[in-house]
Full PDB file with SEQRES, HELIX, SHEET, SSBOND, CRYST1, ORIGX, SCALE, CONECT and MASTER records, all heavy atoms in Angstrom:
SEQRES   1 A   40  PHE PHE GLN SER PHE ASN ARG ASN LYS LEU SER VAL GLY          
SEQRES   2 A   40  LEU ASP LEU SER SER SER ALA GLY ARG ALA VAL PHE GLU          
SEQRES   3 A   40  ASP LEU VAL ALA HIS ALA ASP VAL VAL TYR SER ASN LEU          
SEQRES   4 A   40  ARG                                                          
HELIX    1 AA1 PHE A    2  ASN A    6  1                                   5    
HELIX    2 AA2 SER A   19  VAL A   29  1                                  11    
CRYST1    1.000    1.000    1.000  90.00  90.00  90.00 P 1           1          
ORIGX1      1.000000  0.000000  0.000000        0.00000                         
ORIGX2      0.000000  1.000000  0.000000        0.00000                         
ORIGX3      0.000000  0.000000  1.000000        0.00000                         
SCALE1      1.000000  0.000000  0.000000        0.00000                         
SCALE2      0.000000  1.000000  0.000000        0.00000                         
SCALE3      0.000000  0.000000  1.000000        0.00000                         
ATOM      1  N   PHE A   1      71.794  32.739 -56.651  1.00  0.00           N  
ATOM      2  CA  PHE A   1      71.535  32.544 -55.220  1.00  0.00           C  
ATOM      3  C   PHE A   1      70.045  32.307 -54.988  1.00  0.00           C  
ATOM      4  O   PHE A   1      69.647  31.337 -54.322  1.00  0.00           O  
ATOM      5  CB  PHE A   1      72.013  33.777 -54.447  1.00  0.00           C  
ATOM      6  CG  PHE A   1      71.831  33.676 -52.949  1.00  0.00           C  
ATOM      7  CD1 PHE A   1      72.880  33.268 -52.144  1.00  0.00           C  
ATOM      8  CD2 PHE A   1      70.624  34.010 -52.342  1.00  0.00           C  
ATOM      9  CE1 PHE A   1      72.725  33.174 -50.757  1.00  0.00           C  
ATOM     10  CE2 PHE A   1      70.446  33.916 -50.972  1.00  0.00           C  
ATOM     11  CZ  PHE A   1      71.505  33.504 -50.175  1.00  0.00           C  
ATOM     12  N   PHE A   2      69.203  33.165 -55.528  1.00  0.00           N  
ATOM     13  CA  PHE A   2      67.757  33.020 -55.372  1.00  0.00           C  
ATOM     14  C   PHE A   2      67.271  31.697 -55.971  1.00  0.00           C  
ATOM     15  O   PHE A   2      66.459  30.990 -55.361  1.00  0.00           O  
ATOM     16  CB  PHE A   2      67.047  34.196 -56.044  1.00  0.00           C  
ATOM     17  CG  PHE A   2      65.548  34.120 -55.976  1.00  0.00           C  
ATOM     18  CD1 PHE A   2      64.866  34.521 -54.843  1.00  0.00           C  
ATOM     19  CD2 PHE A   2      64.812  33.642 -57.052  1.00  0.00           C  
ATOM     20  CE1 PHE A   2      63.477  34.443 -54.763  1.00  0.00           C  
ATOM     21  CE2 PHE A   2      63.426  33.560 -56.997  1.00  0.00           C  
ATOM     22  CZ  PHE A   2      62.759  33.962 -55.843  1.00  0.00           C  
ATOM     23  N   GLN A   3      67.760  31.354 -57.142  1.00  0.00           N  
ATOM     24  CA  GLN A   3      67.335  30.123 -57.786  1.00  0.00           C  
ATOM     25  C   GLN A   3      67.719  28.890 -56.967  1.00  0.00           C  
ATOM     26  O   GLN A   3      66.993  27.892 -56.953  1.00  0.00           O  
ATOM     27  CB  GLN A   3      67.931  30.036 -59.192  1.00  0.00           C  
ATOM     28  CG  GLN A   3      67.332  31.005 -60.182  1.00  0.00           C  
ATOM     29  CD  GLN A   3      65.849  30.753 -60.414  1.00  0.00           C  
ATOM     30  OE1 GLN A   3      65.418  29.613 -60.542  1.00  0.00           O  
ATOM     31  NE2 GLN A   3      65.068  31.826 -60.457  1.00  0.00           N  
ATOM     32  N   SER A   4      68.836  28.953 -56.263  1.00  0.00           N  
ATOM     33  CA  SER A   4      69.284  27.810 -55.468  1.00  0.00           C  
ATOM     34  C   SER A   4      68.314  27.465 -54.352  1.00  0.00           C  
ATOM     35  O   SER A   4      68.205  26.301 -53.948  1.00  0.00           O  
ATOM     36  CB  SER A   4      70.662  28.107 -54.861  1.00  0.00           C  
ATOM     37  OG  SER A   4      71.632  28.281 -55.865  1.00  0.00           O  
ATOM     38  N   PHE A   5      67.605  28.465 -53.838  1.00  0.00           N  
ATOM     39  CA  PHE A   5      66.718  28.269 -52.695  1.00  0.00           C  
ATOM     40  C   PHE A   5      65.237  28.213 -53.057  1.00  0.00           C  
ATOM     41  O   PHE A   5      64.414  27.895 -52.195  1.00  0.00           O  
ATOM     42  CB  PHE A   5      66.900  29.410 -51.691  1.00  0.00           C  
ATOM     43  CG  PHE A   5      68.213  29.411 -50.960  1.00  0.00           C  
ATOM     44  CD1 PHE A   5      69.257  30.210 -51.382  1.00  0.00           C  
ATOM     45  CD2 PHE A   5      68.400  28.623 -49.838  1.00  0.00           C  
ATOM     46  CE1 PHE A   5      70.469  30.228 -50.705  1.00  0.00           C  
ATOM     47  CE2 PHE A   5      69.600  28.628 -49.151  1.00  0.00           C  
ATOM     48  CZ  PHE A   5      70.649  29.432 -49.587  1.00  0.00           C  
ATOM     49  N   ASN A   6      64.866  28.536 -54.288  1.00  0.00           N  
ATOM     50  CA  ASN A   6      63.457  28.821 -54.540  1.00  0.00           C  
ATOM     51  C   ASN A   6      62.839  28.098 -55.727  1.00  0.00           C  
ATOM     52  O   ASN A   6      61.761  28.500 -56.197  1.00  0.00           O  
ATOM     53  CB  ASN A   6      63.270  30.334 -54.695  1.00  0.00           C  
ATOM     54  CG  ASN A   6      63.499  31.060 -53.381  1.00  0.00           C  
ATOM     55  OD1 ASN A   6      62.683  30.989 -52.474  1.00  0.00           O  
ATOM     56  ND2 ASN A   6      64.635  31.736 -53.283  1.00  0.00           N  
ATOM     57  N   ARG A   7      63.462  27.029 -56.209  1.00  0.00           N  
ATOM     58  CA  ARG A   7      62.829  26.281 -57.289  1.00  0.00           C  
ATOM     59  C   ARG A   7      61.527  25.651 -56.781  1.00  0.00           C  
ATOM     60  O   ARG A   7      61.354  25.421 -55.578  1.00  0.00           O  
ATOM     61  CB  ARG A   7      63.781  25.222 -57.847  1.00  0.00           C  
ATOM     62  CG  ARG A   7      64.123  24.123 -56.878  1.00  0.00           C  
ATOM     63  CD  ARG A   7      64.960  23.010 -57.516  1.00  0.00           C  
ATOM     64  NE  ARG A   7      65.376  22.061 -56.494  1.00  0.00           N  
ATOM     65  CZ  ARG A   7      66.530  22.117 -55.838  1.00  0.00           C  
ATOM     66  NH1 ARG A   7      67.406  23.068 -56.118  1.00  0.00           N  
ATOM     67  NH2 ARG A   7      66.822  21.225 -54.906  1.00  0.00           N  
ATOM     68  N   ASN A   8      60.647  25.393 -57.707  1.00  0.00           N  
ATOM     69  CA  ASN A   8      59.377  24.713 -57.421  1.00  0.00           C  
ATOM     70  C   ASN A   8      58.449  25.509 -56.496  1.00  0.00           C  
ATOM     71  O   ASN A   8      57.552  24.942 -55.863  1.00  0.00           O  
ATOM     72  CB  ASN A   8      59.620  23.313 -56.822  1.00  0.00           C  
ATOM     73  CG  ASN A   8      60.387  22.420 -57.771  1.00  0.00           C  
ATOM     74  OD1 ASN A   8      60.151  22.429 -58.974  1.00  0.00           O  
ATOM     75  ND2 ASN A   8      61.326  21.653 -57.241  1.00  0.00           N  
ATOM     76  N   LYS A   9      58.656  26.816 -56.399  1.00  0.00           N  
ATOM     77  CA  LYS A   9      57.800  27.670 -55.579  1.00  0.00           C  
ATOM     78  C   LYS A   9      57.027  28.643 -56.464  1.00  0.00           C  
ATOM     79  O   LYS A   9      57.339  28.828 -57.641  1.00  0.00           O  
ATOM     80  CB  LYS A   9      58.625  28.451 -54.551  1.00  0.00           C  
ATOM     81  CG  LYS A   9      59.414  27.580 -53.579  1.00  0.00           C  
ATOM     82  CD  LYS A   9      60.217  28.419 -52.597  1.00  0.00           C  
ATOM     83  CE  LYS A   9      61.094  27.565 -51.699  1.00  0.00           C  
ATOM     84  NZ  LYS A   9      61.887  28.380 -50.748  1.00  0.00           N  
ATOM     85  N   LEU A  10      56.020  29.274 -55.889  1.00  0.00           N  
ATOM     86  CA  LEU A  10      55.227  30.309 -56.551  1.00  0.00           C  
ATOM     87  C   LEU A  10      55.458  31.632 -55.835  1.00  0.00           C  
ATOM     88  O   LEU A  10      55.914  31.652 -54.683  1.00  0.00           O  
ATOM     89  CB  LEU A  10      53.741  29.944 -56.516  1.00  0.00           C  
ATOM     90  CG  LEU A  10      53.353  28.574 -57.080  1.00  0.00           C  
ATOM     91  CD1 LEU A  10      51.876  28.286 -56.809  1.00  0.00           C  
ATOM     92  CD2 LEU A  10      53.643  28.501 -58.567  1.00  0.00           C  
ATOM     93  N   SER A  11      55.134  32.745 -56.501  1.00  0.00           N  
ATOM     94  CA  SER A  11      55.297  34.058 -55.883  1.00  0.00           C  
ATOM     95  C   SER A  11      54.024  34.882 -56.022  1.00  0.00           C  
ATOM     96  O   SER A  11      53.477  35.016 -57.117  1.00  0.00           O  
ATOM     97  CB  SER A  11      56.465  34.819 -56.512  1.00  0.00           C  
ATOM     98  OG  SER A  11      56.529  36.151 -56.016  1.00  0.00           O  
ATOM     99  N   VAL A  12      53.585  35.428 -54.897  1.00  0.00           N  
ATOM    100  CA  VAL A  12      52.467  36.372 -54.872  1.00  0.00           C  
ATOM    101  C   VAL A  12      52.984  37.704 -54.350  1.00  0.00           C  
ATOM    102  O   VAL A  12      53.585  37.756 -53.270  1.00  0.00           O  
ATOM    103  CB  VAL A  12      51.322  35.859 -53.965  1.00  0.00           C  
ATOM    104  CG1 VAL A  12      50.307  36.965 -53.686  1.00  0.00           C  
ATOM    105  CG2 VAL A  12      50.642  34.666 -54.611  1.00  0.00           C  
ATOM    106  N   GLY A  13      52.781  38.753 -55.125  1.00  0.00           N  
ATOM    107  CA  GLY A  13      53.163  40.089 -54.682  1.00  0.00           C  
ATOM    108  C   GLY A  13      52.053  40.668 -53.826  1.00  0.00           C  
ATOM    109  O   GLY A  13      50.919  40.839 -54.292  1.00  0.00           O  
ATOM    110  N   LEU A  14      52.367  40.986 -52.557  1.00  0.00           N  
ATOM    111  CA  LEU A  14      51.322  41.423 -51.632  1.00  0.00           C  
ATOM    112  C   LEU A  14      51.923  42.333 -50.572  1.00  0.00           C  
ATOM    113  O   LEU A  14      52.953  42.015 -49.962  1.00  0.00           O  
ATOM    114  CB  LEU A  14      50.690  40.197 -50.967  1.00  0.00           C  
ATOM    115  CG  LEU A  14      49.308  40.336 -50.339  1.00  0.00           C  
ATOM    116  CD1 LEU A  14      48.280  40.776 -51.382  1.00  0.00           C  
ATOM    117  CD2 LEU A  14      48.889  39.003 -49.728  1.00  0.00           C  
ATOM    118  N   ASP A  15      51.263  43.464 -50.334  1.00  0.00           N  
ATOM    119  CA  ASP A  15      51.698  44.407 -49.308  1.00  0.00           C  
ATOM    120  C   ASP A  15      50.840  44.191 -48.062  1.00  0.00           C  
ATOM    121  O   ASP A  15      49.695  44.628 -47.993  1.00  0.00           O  
ATOM    122  CB  ASP A  15      51.543  45.842 -49.824  1.00  0.00           C  
ATOM    123  CG  ASP A  15      52.010  46.880 -48.815  1.00  0.00           C  
ATOM    124  OD1 ASP A  15      52.459  46.483 -47.716  1.00  0.00           O  
ATOM    125  OD2 ASP A  15      51.921  48.081 -49.122  1.00  0.00           O  
ATOM    126  N   LEU A  16      51.403  43.525 -47.062  1.00  0.00           N  
ATOM    127  CA  LEU A  16      50.642  43.205 -45.859  1.00  0.00           C  
ATOM    128  C   LEU A  16      50.411  44.414 -44.967  1.00  0.00           C  
ATOM    129  O   LEU A  16      49.606  44.347 -44.023  1.00  0.00           O  
ATOM    130  CB  LEU A  16      51.351  42.110 -45.053  1.00  0.00           C  
ATOM    131  CG  LEU A  16      51.488  40.738 -45.711  1.00  0.00           C  
ATOM    132  CD1 LEU A  16      52.042  39.735 -44.720  1.00  0.00           C  
ATOM    133  CD2 LEU A  16      50.159  40.246 -46.243  1.00  0.00           C  
ATOM    134  N   SER A  17      51.108  45.507 -45.248  1.00  0.00           N  
ATOM    135  CA  SER A  17      50.911  46.701 -44.423  1.00  0.00           C  
ATOM    136  C   SER A  17      49.647  47.465 -44.801  1.00  0.00           C  
ATOM    137  O   SER A  17      49.191  48.339 -44.049  1.00  0.00           O  
ATOM    138  CB  SER A  17      52.125  47.627 -44.532  1.00  0.00           C  
ATOM    139  OG  SER A  17      52.233  48.183 -45.842  1.00  0.00           O  
ATOM    140  N   SER A  18      49.058  47.152 -45.948  1.00  0.00           N  
ATOM    141  CA  SER A  18      47.820  47.809 -46.362  1.00  0.00           C  
ATOM    142  C   SER A  18      46.627  46.960 -45.934  1.00  0.00           C  
ATOM    143  O   SER A  18      46.720  45.730 -45.865  1.00  0.00           O  
ATOM    144  CB  SER A  18      47.791  48.009 -47.879  1.00  0.00           C  
ATOM    145  OG  SER A  18      47.533  46.789 -48.551  1.00  0.00           O  
ATOM    146  N   SER A  19      45.517  47.599 -45.644  1.00  0.00           N  
ATOM    147  CA  SER A  19      44.328  46.863 -45.208  1.00  0.00           C  
ATOM    148  C   SER A  19      43.822  45.950 -46.311  1.00  0.00           C  
ATOM    149  O   SER A  19      43.372  44.823 -46.052  1.00  0.00           O  
ATOM    150  CB  SER A  19      43.232  47.837 -44.778  1.00  0.00           C  
ATOM    151  OG  SER A  19      42.888  48.723 -45.836  1.00  0.00           O  
ATOM    152  N   ALA A  20      43.923  46.405 -47.551  1.00  0.00           N  
ATOM    153  CA  ALA A  20      43.486  45.577 -48.674  1.00  0.00           C  
ATOM    154  C   ALA A  20      44.391  44.357 -48.820  1.00  0.00           C  
ATOM    155  O   ALA A  20      43.933  43.239 -49.079  1.00  0.00           O  
ATOM    156  CB  ALA A  20      43.480  46.394 -49.968  1.00  0.00           C  
ATOM    157  N   GLY A  21      45.704  44.569 -48.654  1.00  0.00           N  
ATOM    158  CA  GLY A  21      46.642  43.456 -48.723  1.00  0.00           C  
ATOM    159  C   GLY A  21      46.429  42.461 -47.610  1.00  0.00           C  
ATOM    160  O   GLY A  21      46.512  41.241 -47.816  1.00  0.00           O  
ATOM    161  N   ARG A  22      46.126  42.965 -46.413  1.00  0.00           N  
ATOM    162  CA  ARG A  22      45.858  42.085 -45.286  1.00  0.00           C  
ATOM    163  C   ARG A  22      44.619  41.228 -45.539  1.00  0.00           C  
ATOM    164  O   ARG A  22      44.594  40.029 -45.238  1.00  0.00           O  
ATOM    165  CB  ARG A  22      45.651  42.912 -44.017  1.00  0.00           C  
ATOM    166  CG  ARG A  22      45.270  42.096 -42.778  1.00  0.00           C  
ATOM    167  CD  ARG A  22      46.439  41.259 -42.292  1.00  0.00           C  
ATOM    168  NE  ARG A  22      46.057  40.373 -41.189  1.00  0.00           N  
ATOM    169  CZ  ARG A  22      46.938  39.708 -40.440  1.00  0.00           C  
ATOM    170  NH1 ARG A  22      48.225  39.839 -40.678  1.00  0.00           N  
ATOM    171  NH2 ARG A  22      46.528  38.921 -39.471  1.00  0.00           N  
ATOM    172  N   ALA A  23      43.599  41.841 -46.132  1.00  0.00           N  
ATOM    173  CA  ALA A  23      42.371  41.108 -46.416  1.00  0.00           C  
ATOM    174  C   ALA A  23      42.627  39.977 -47.400  1.00  0.00           C  
ATOM    175  O   ALA A  23      42.118  38.852 -47.227  1.00  0.00           O  
ATOM    176  CB  ALA A  23      41.311  42.061 -46.957  1.00  0.00           C  
ATOM    177  N   VAL A  24      43.425  40.248 -48.426  1.00  0.00           N  
ATOM    178  CA  VAL A  24      43.764  39.204 -49.397  1.00  0.00           C  
ATOM    179  C   VAL A  24      44.567  38.103 -48.720  1.00  0.00           C  
ATOM    180  O   VAL A  24      44.323  36.900 -48.935  1.00  0.00           O  
ATOM    181  CB  VAL A  24      44.549  39.800 -50.577  1.00  0.00           C  
ATOM    182  CG1 VAL A  24      45.068  38.689 -51.490  1.00  0.00           C  
ATOM    183  CG2 VAL A  24      43.671  40.766 -51.376  1.00  0.00           C  
ATOM    184  N   PHE A  25      45.507  38.501 -47.887  1.00  0.00           N  
ATOM    185  CA  PHE A  25      46.330  37.528 -47.177  1.00  0.00           C  
ATOM    186  C   PHE A  25      45.461  36.597 -46.335  1.00  0.00           C  
ATOM    187  O   PHE A  25      45.644  35.371 -46.351  1.00  0.00           O  
ATOM    188  CB  PHE A  25      47.339  38.258 -46.287  1.00  0.00           C  
ATOM    189  CG  PHE A  25      48.155  37.357 -45.399  1.00  0.00           C  
ATOM    190  CD1 PHE A  25      49.090  36.482 -45.928  1.00  0.00           C  
ATOM    191  CD2 PHE A  25      47.984  37.375 -44.014  1.00  0.00           C  
ATOM    192  CE1 PHE A  25      49.844  35.650 -45.110  1.00  0.00           C  
ATOM    193  CE2 PHE A  25      48.724  36.554 -43.196  1.00  0.00           C  
ATOM    194  CZ  PHE A  25      49.658  35.685 -43.740  1.00  0.00           C  
ATOM    195  N   GLU A  26      44.495  37.138 -45.612  1.00  0.00           N  
ATOM    196  CA  GLU A  26      43.635  36.300 -44.779  1.00  0.00           C  
ATOM    197  C   GLU A  26      42.757  35.381 -45.616  1.00  0.00           C  
ATOM    198  O   GLU A  26      42.452  34.254 -45.193  1.00  0.00           O  
ATOM    199  CB  GLU A  26      42.792  37.180 -43.847  1.00  0.00           C  
ATOM    200  CG  GLU A  26      43.651  37.873 -42.785  1.00  0.00           C  
ATOM    201  CD  GLU A  26      42.829  38.556 -41.714  1.00  0.00           C  
ATOM    202  OE1 GLU A  26      41.581  38.509 -41.783  1.00  0.00           O  
ATOM    203  OE2 GLU A  26      43.441  39.139 -40.793  1.00  0.00           O  
ATOM    204  N   ASP A  27      42.380  35.821 -46.806  1.00  0.00           N  
ATOM    205  CA  ASP A  27      41.637  34.928 -47.697  1.00  0.00           C  
ATOM    206  C   ASP A  27      42.499  33.738 -48.116  1.00  0.00           C  
ATOM    207  O   ASP A  27      41.995  32.614 -48.286  1.00  0.00           O  
ATOM    208  CB  ASP A  27      41.164  35.690 -48.941  1.00  0.00           C  
ATOM    209  CG  ASP A  27      39.981  36.611 -48.647  1.00  0.00           C  
ATOM    210  OD1 ASP A  27      39.321  36.422 -47.611  1.00  0.00           O  
ATOM    211  OD2 ASP A  27      39.731  37.523 -49.462  1.00  0.00           O  
ATOM    212  N   LEU A  28      43.797  33.970 -48.287  1.00  0.00           N  
ATOM    213  CA  LEU A  28      44.715  32.874 -48.611  1.00  0.00           C  
ATOM    214  C   LEU A  28      44.927  31.971 -47.397  1.00  0.00           C  
ATOM    215  O   LEU A  28      44.945  30.733 -47.518  1.00  0.00           O  
ATOM    216  CB  LEU A  28      46.056  33.428 -49.091  1.00  0.00           C  
ATOM    217  CG  LEU A  28      46.037  34.240 -50.395  1.00  0.00           C  
ATOM    218  CD1 LEU A  28      47.416  34.827 -50.682  1.00  0.00           C  
ATOM    219  CD2 LEU A  28      45.575  33.390 -51.568  1.00  0.00           C  
ATOM    220  N   VAL A  29      45.079  32.573 -46.220  1.00  0.00           N  
ATOM    221  CA  VAL A  29      45.268  31.802 -44.987  1.00  0.00           C  
ATOM    222  C   VAL A  29      44.100  30.850 -44.760  1.00  0.00           C  
ATOM    223  O   VAL A  29      44.280  29.711 -44.315  1.00  0.00           O  
ATOM    224  CB  VAL A  29      45.432  32.748 -43.773  1.00  0.00           C  
ATOM    225  CG1 VAL A  29      45.385  31.961 -42.453  1.00  0.00           C  
ATOM    226  CG2 VAL A  29      46.738  33.530 -43.878  1.00  0.00           C  
ATOM    227  N   ALA A  30      42.915  31.287 -45.093  1.00  0.00           N  
ATOM    228  CA  ALA A  30      41.723  30.470 -44.873  1.00  0.00           C  
ATOM    229  C   ALA A  30      41.775  29.149 -45.619  1.00  0.00           C  
ATOM    230  O   ALA A  30      41.115  28.177 -45.230  1.00  0.00           O  
ATOM    231  CB  ALA A  30      40.478  31.257 -45.285  1.00  0.00           C  
ATOM    232  N   HIS A  31      42.580  29.091 -46.687  1.00  0.00           N  
ATOM    233  CA  HIS A  31      42.648  27.877 -47.509  1.00  0.00           C  
ATOM    234  C   HIS A  31      44.031  27.214 -47.470  1.00  0.00           C  
ATOM    235  O   HIS A  31      44.298  26.292 -48.232  1.00  0.00           O  
ATOM    236  CB  HIS A  31      42.287  28.215 -48.956  1.00  0.00           C  
ATOM    237  CG  HIS A  31      40.894  28.732 -49.121  1.00  0.00           C  
ATOM    238  ND1 HIS A  31      40.567  30.063 -48.978  1.00  0.00           N  
ATOM    239  CD2 HIS A  31      39.727  28.085 -49.383  1.00  0.00           C  
ATOM    240  CE1 HIS A  31      39.269  30.224 -49.172  1.00  0.00           C  
ATOM    241  NE2 HIS A  31      38.730  29.036 -49.423  1.00  0.00           N  
ATOM    242  N   ALA A  32      44.912  27.682 -46.601  1.00  0.00           N  
ATOM    243  CA  ALA A  32      46.275  27.159 -46.518  1.00  0.00           C  
ATOM    244  C   ALA A  32      46.430  26.252 -45.310  1.00  0.00           C  
ATOM    245  O   ALA A  32      45.562  26.176 -44.432  1.00  0.00           O  
ATOM    246  CB  ALA A  32      47.270  28.315 -46.444  1.00  0.00           C  
ATOM    247  N   ASP A  33      47.543  25.549 -45.265  1.00  0.00           N  
ATOM    248  CA  ASP A  33      47.884  24.716 -44.113  1.00  0.00           C  
ATOM    249  C   ASP A  33      48.890  25.387 -43.194  1.00  0.00           C  
ATOM    250  O   ASP A  33      48.894  25.134 -41.983  1.00  0.00           O  
ATOM    251  CB  ASP A  33      48.476  23.380 -44.595  1.00  0.00           C  
ATOM    252  CG  ASP A  33      47.499  22.576 -45.421  1.00  0.00           C  
ATOM    253  OD1 ASP A  33      46.535  22.062 -44.841  1.00  0.00           O  
ATOM    254  OD2 ASP A  33      47.708  22.483 -46.642  1.00  0.00           O  
ATOM    255  N   VAL A  34      49.761  26.215 -43.775  1.00  0.00           N  
ATOM    256  CA  VAL A  34      50.896  26.741 -43.019  1.00  0.00           C  
ATOM    257  C   VAL A  34      51.149  28.203 -43.385  1.00  0.00           C  
ATOM    258  O   VAL A  34      51.076  28.575 -44.562  1.00  0.00           O  
ATOM    259  CB  VAL A  34      52.187  25.934 -43.323  1.00  0.00           C  
ATOM    260  CG1 VAL A  34      53.375  26.473 -42.530  1.00  0.00           C  
ATOM    261  CG2 VAL A  34      51.980  24.449 -43.048  1.00  0.00           C  
ATOM    262  N   VAL A  35      51.448  29.011 -42.378  1.00  0.00           N  
ATOM    263  CA  VAL A  35      52.067  30.319 -42.583  1.00  0.00           C  
ATOM    264  C   VAL A  35      53.478  30.211 -42.024  1.00  0.00           C  
ATOM    265  O   VAL A  35      53.666  29.958 -40.831  1.00  0.00           O  
ATOM    266  CB  VAL A  35      51.290  31.448 -41.881  1.00  0.00           C  
ATOM    267  CG1 VAL A  35      52.067  32.753 -41.944  1.00  0.00           C  
ATOM    268  CG2 VAL A  35      49.918  31.623 -42.520  1.00  0.00           C  
ATOM    269  N   TYR A  36      54.447  30.381 -42.897  1.00  0.00           N  
ATOM    270  CA  TYR A  36      55.856  30.075 -42.591  1.00  0.00           C  
ATOM    271  C   TYR A  36      56.669  31.350 -42.777  1.00  0.00           C  
ATOM    272  O   TYR A  36      56.557  32.015 -43.810  1.00  0.00           O  
ATOM    273  CB  TYR A  36      56.305  28.983 -43.555  1.00  0.00           C  
ATOM    274  CG  TYR A  36      57.760  28.586 -43.538  1.00  0.00           C  
ATOM    275  CD1 TYR A  36      58.201  27.540 -42.727  1.00  0.00           C  
ATOM    276  CD2 TYR A  36      58.688  29.205 -44.372  1.00  0.00           C  
ATOM    277  CE1 TYR A  36      59.529  27.126 -42.756  1.00  0.00           C  
ATOM    278  CE2 TYR A  36      60.009  28.798 -44.397  1.00  0.00           C  
ATOM    279  CZ  TYR A  36      60.427  27.766 -43.591  1.00  0.00           C  
ATOM    280  OH  TYR A  36      61.730  27.360 -43.611  1.00  0.00           O  
ATOM    281  N   SER A  37      57.474  31.708 -41.783  1.00  0.00           N  
ATOM    282  CA  SER A  37      58.246  32.943 -41.907  1.00  0.00           C  
ATOM    283  C   SER A  37      59.638  32.793 -41.325  1.00  0.00           C  
ATOM    284  O   SER A  37      59.863  31.975 -40.431  1.00  0.00           O  
ATOM    285  CB  SER A  37      57.520  34.096 -41.196  1.00  0.00           C  
ATOM    286  OG  SER A  37      57.479  33.877 -39.790  1.00  0.00           O  
ATOM    287  N   ASN A  38      60.574  33.558 -41.847  1.00  0.00           N  
ATOM    288  CA  ASN A  38      61.864  33.707 -41.172  1.00  0.00           C  
ATOM    289  C   ASN A  38      62.163  35.199 -41.045  1.00  0.00           C  
ATOM    290  O   ASN A  38      62.830  35.812 -41.860  1.00  0.00           O  
ATOM    291  CB  ASN A  38      62.996  32.938 -41.873  1.00  0.00           C  
ATOM    292  CG  ASN A  38      63.412  33.514 -43.208  1.00  0.00           C  
ATOM    293  OD1 ASN A  38      62.588  33.672 -44.103  1.00  0.00           O  
ATOM    294  ND2 ASN A  38      64.702  33.824 -43.349  1.00  0.00           N  
ATOM    295  N   LEU A  39      61.598  35.746 -40.005  1.00  0.00           N  
ATOM    296  CA  LEU A  39      61.705  37.159 -39.691  1.00  0.00           C  
ATOM    297  C   LEU A  39      62.241  37.303 -38.268  1.00  0.00           C  
ATOM    298  O   LEU A  39      62.297  36.328 -37.520  1.00  0.00           O  
ATOM    299  CB  LEU A  39      60.333  37.829 -39.816  1.00  0.00           C  
ATOM    300  CG  LEU A  39      59.619  37.621 -41.168  1.00  0.00           C  
ATOM    301  CD1 LEU A  39      58.154  38.023 -41.072  1.00  0.00           C  
ATOM    302  CD2 LEU A  39      60.328  38.410 -42.266  1.00  0.00           C  
ATOM    303  N   ARG A  40      62.631  38.513 -37.888  1.00  0.00           N  
ATOM    304  CA  ARG A  40      63.093  38.741 -36.523  1.00  0.00           C  
ATOM    305  C   ARG A  40      62.015  38.279 -35.532  1.00  0.00           C  
ATOM    306  O   ARG A  40      60.824  38.343 -35.812  1.00  0.00           O  
ATOM    307  CB  ARG A  40      63.389  40.226 -36.345  1.00  0.00           C  
ATOM    308  CG  ARG A  40      64.436  40.554 -35.289  1.00  0.00           C  
ATOM    309  CD  ARG A  40      64.721  42.039 -35.289  1.00  0.00           C  
ATOM    310  NE  ARG A  40      63.487  42.789 -35.046  1.00  0.00           N  
ATOM    311  CZ  ARG A  40      63.128  43.883 -35.698  1.00  0.00           C  
ATOM    312  NH1 ARG A  40      63.902  44.369 -36.663  1.00  0.00           N  
ATOM    313  NH2 ARG A  40      62.004  44.505 -35.409  1.00  0.00           N  
TER     314      ARG A  40                                                      
MASTER        0    0    0    2    0    0    0    6  313    1    0    4          
END                                                                             
């Protein structure tokens, strides 16, 4: 199931609830084009 939806992608393990994780996330956002989510 996972393979059907996720080929050709990369994975970064990151805890956005931690301040350190948030800081890393924003460093990635600074160099990205899109933040894409499917959440409530």
